[in-house]
Protein backbone atom coordinates (compact mmCIF):
# COMPACT_ATOMS: atom_id res chain seq x y z
CA MET A 1 -24.01 61.67 11.69
CA THR A 2 -24.08 58.62 13.98
CA ASN A 3 -21.19 56.29 14.32
CA THR A 4 -22.24 52.70 14.67
CA THR A 5 -20.02 49.78 15.47
CA PRO A 6 -21.11 46.49 14.16
CA ASP A 7 -21.85 43.84 16.90
CA THR A 8 -19.25 41.17 17.18
CA VAL A 9 -20.62 37.72 17.23
CA THR A 10 -18.48 34.74 18.26
CA ASP A 11 -19.70 31.27 17.66
CA THR A 12 -18.11 28.24 19.22
CA VAL A 13 -18.46 25.08 17.34
CA THR A 14 -17.80 21.71 18.97
CA ASP A 15 -17.15 18.86 16.68
CA THR A 16 -18.63 15.80 18.24
CA ALA A 17 -18.18 13.66 15.14
CA PRO A 18 -15.88 10.71 15.64
CA ALA A 19 -12.31 11.17 14.45
CA GLN A 20 -11.79 9.96 10.91
CA PRO A 21 -8.93 7.57 10.21
CA PRO A 22 -6.09 9.29 8.29
CA ALA A 23 -6.36 9.01 4.60
CA HIS A 24 -3.88 6.84 2.89
CA GLU A 25 -2.21 7.04 -0.53
CA GLY A 26 -2.52 3.37 -1.07
CA LEU A 27 -0.39 1.12 -3.15
CA LYS A 28 0.34 1.81 -6.79
CA ILE A 29 0.81 -1.10 -9.09
CA GLY A 30 3.19 -0.61 -12.09
CA ASP A 31 2.60 -2.08 -15.51
CA GLY A 32 5.43 -4.53 -15.13
CA ALA A 33 3.85 -5.94 -11.95
CA VAL A 34 0.45 -6.15 -13.56
CA LYS A 35 1.89 -8.21 -16.39
CA ARG A 36 3.79 -10.52 -14.13
CA ILE A 37 0.79 -11.03 -11.78
CA GLN A 38 -1.42 -11.87 -14.79
CA GLN A 39 1.21 -14.48 -15.91
CA LEU A 40 1.36 -16.00 -12.41
CA ILE A 41 -2.46 -16.19 -12.21
CA GLU A 42 -2.72 -17.74 -15.68
CA SER A 43 -0.06 -20.35 -14.87
CA GLU A 44 -2.00 -21.39 -11.77
CA GLY A 45 -5.22 -21.68 -13.79
CA LYS A 46 -7.26 -19.94 -11.06
CA PRO A 47 -8.63 -16.61 -12.36
CA ASP A 48 -9.79 -15.59 -8.83
CA LEU A 49 -6.28 -15.38 -7.43
CA LYS A 50 -4.93 -12.13 -6.08
CA LEU A 51 -1.45 -11.05 -5.12
CA ARG A 52 -1.14 -10.62 -1.35
CA ILE A 53 1.57 -8.43 0.09
CA SER A 54 2.31 -8.57 3.80
CA ILE A 55 5.13 -7.20 5.99
CA THR A 56 6.92 -9.23 8.65
CA GLY A 57 9.80 -8.77 10.88
CA GLY A 58 13.01 -10.12 9.49
CA GLY A 59 15.69 -9.82 6.92
CA CYS A 60 18.93 -7.85 7.44
CA SER A 61 17.11 -4.44 7.68
CA GLY A 62 14.32 -5.28 10.08
CA PHE A 63 11.21 -5.79 7.95
CA GLN A 64 10.62 -7.87 4.80
CA TYR A 65 8.08 -8.05 2.11
CA ASN A 66 6.12 -11.25 1.57
CA PHE A 67 4.35 -11.92 -1.72
CA SER A 68 1.92 -14.76 -2.21
CA LEU A 69 -1.10 -15.63 -4.36
CA ASP A 70 -4.32 -15.89 -2.52
CA ASP A 71 -7.89 -16.51 -3.49
CA LYS A 72 -9.52 -15.32 -0.17
CA ARG A 73 -9.98 -11.76 1.01
CA THR A 74 -10.20 -11.17 4.77
CA ASP A 75 -12.12 -8.37 6.54
CA ASP A 76 -9.06 -6.25 7.21
CA ASP A 77 -7.69 -6.49 3.61
CA LEU A 78 -7.57 -3.38 1.44
CA VAL A 79 -7.73 -4.07 -2.33
CA PHE A 80 -5.70 -2.13 -4.88
CA GLU A 81 -6.34 -2.70 -8.59
CA ASN A 82 -4.72 -2.03 -11.91
CA GLY A 83 -5.23 -3.59 -15.29
CA GLY A 84 -7.74 -6.03 -13.98
CA ILE A 85 -5.57 -7.59 -11.28
CA GLN A 86 -6.04 -7.15 -7.55
CA VAL A 87 -3.40 -6.76 -4.89
CA LEU A 88 -4.41 -7.35 -1.14
CA VAL A 89 -2.68 -5.55 1.78
CA ASP A 90 -3.85 -6.19 5.29
CA GLU A 91 -4.47 -3.10 7.58
CA THR A 92 -1.45 -3.91 9.68
CA SER A 93 0.92 -3.90 6.68
CA LEU A 94 -0.60 -0.86 4.91
CA PRO A 95 1.40 1.83 6.89
CA PHE A 96 4.64 0.14 5.70
CA VAL A 97 3.68 0.25 2.01
CA ASP A 98 1.45 3.31 1.85
CA GLY A 99 2.42 5.36 -1.06
CA ALA A 100 4.74 2.68 -2.47
CA VAL A 101 4.92 1.46 -6.09
CA LEU A 102 4.93 -2.19 -6.81
CA ASN A 103 6.78 -3.19 -9.97
CA PHE A 104 8.57 -6.19 -11.52
CA SER A 105 12.23 -6.20 -12.61
CA THR A 106 14.39 -8.62 -14.59
CA ASP A 107 18.13 -8.32 -14.41
CA LEU A 108 21.23 -10.38 -14.00
CA MET A 109 20.28 -11.16 -10.47
CA GLY A 110 16.94 -12.74 -11.58
CA ALA A 111 13.34 -11.68 -11.95
CA TYR A 112 11.54 -10.28 -8.81
CA PHE A 113 8.93 -7.87 -7.52
CA THR A 114 10.35 -4.44 -6.34
CA MET A 115 8.92 -1.83 -4.11
CA ASP A 116 9.60 1.82 -4.52
CA ASN A 117 8.76 2.63 -0.99
CA PRO A 118 8.84 6.23 0.40
CA ASN A 119 8.40 4.88 3.94
CA ALA A 120 11.70 2.89 3.92
CA ASP A 121 14.57 4.69 5.48
CA SER A 122 17.02 2.15 4.15
CA THR A 123 17.02 -1.16 2.32
CA CYS A 124 19.42 -4.06 2.21
CA GLY A 125 21.70 -4.70 -0.70
CA CYS A 126 19.32 -7.32 -2.24
CA GLY A 127 16.27 -5.13 -1.72
CA SER A 128 14.20 -7.79 -0.08
CA SER A 129 14.18 -6.06 3.42
CA PHE A 130 13.97 -2.49 4.72
CA SER A 131 13.82 -0.36 7.82
CA VAL A 132 11.62 2.52 8.77
């Protein structure tokens, strides 16, 4: 009886493909936000409007959310949709809101958009600014 040992073959694979950008979770849009955005668009009488979210430095915690209606999409905008409405977020702002949920709240303080943001380490008392 002959003992045979299988040959060992080692392949080296070099990946020369360009690095892929990291995947993002995106922005989720809650039903309350969808309803409010639809109301805002209808009140403006411009069905092509979209909600734009951008992040700027400021507020008592370091960064603040900016919400505006916009009818133009730029090359660096990402578009998130729910219920027929579109929300635009530029590439620079996306890391700050990636994985967040946009909603709309009404309470004794007023009516306003809210962000449930897993990237925020802390928020200010009024919820309009945050830190990372």
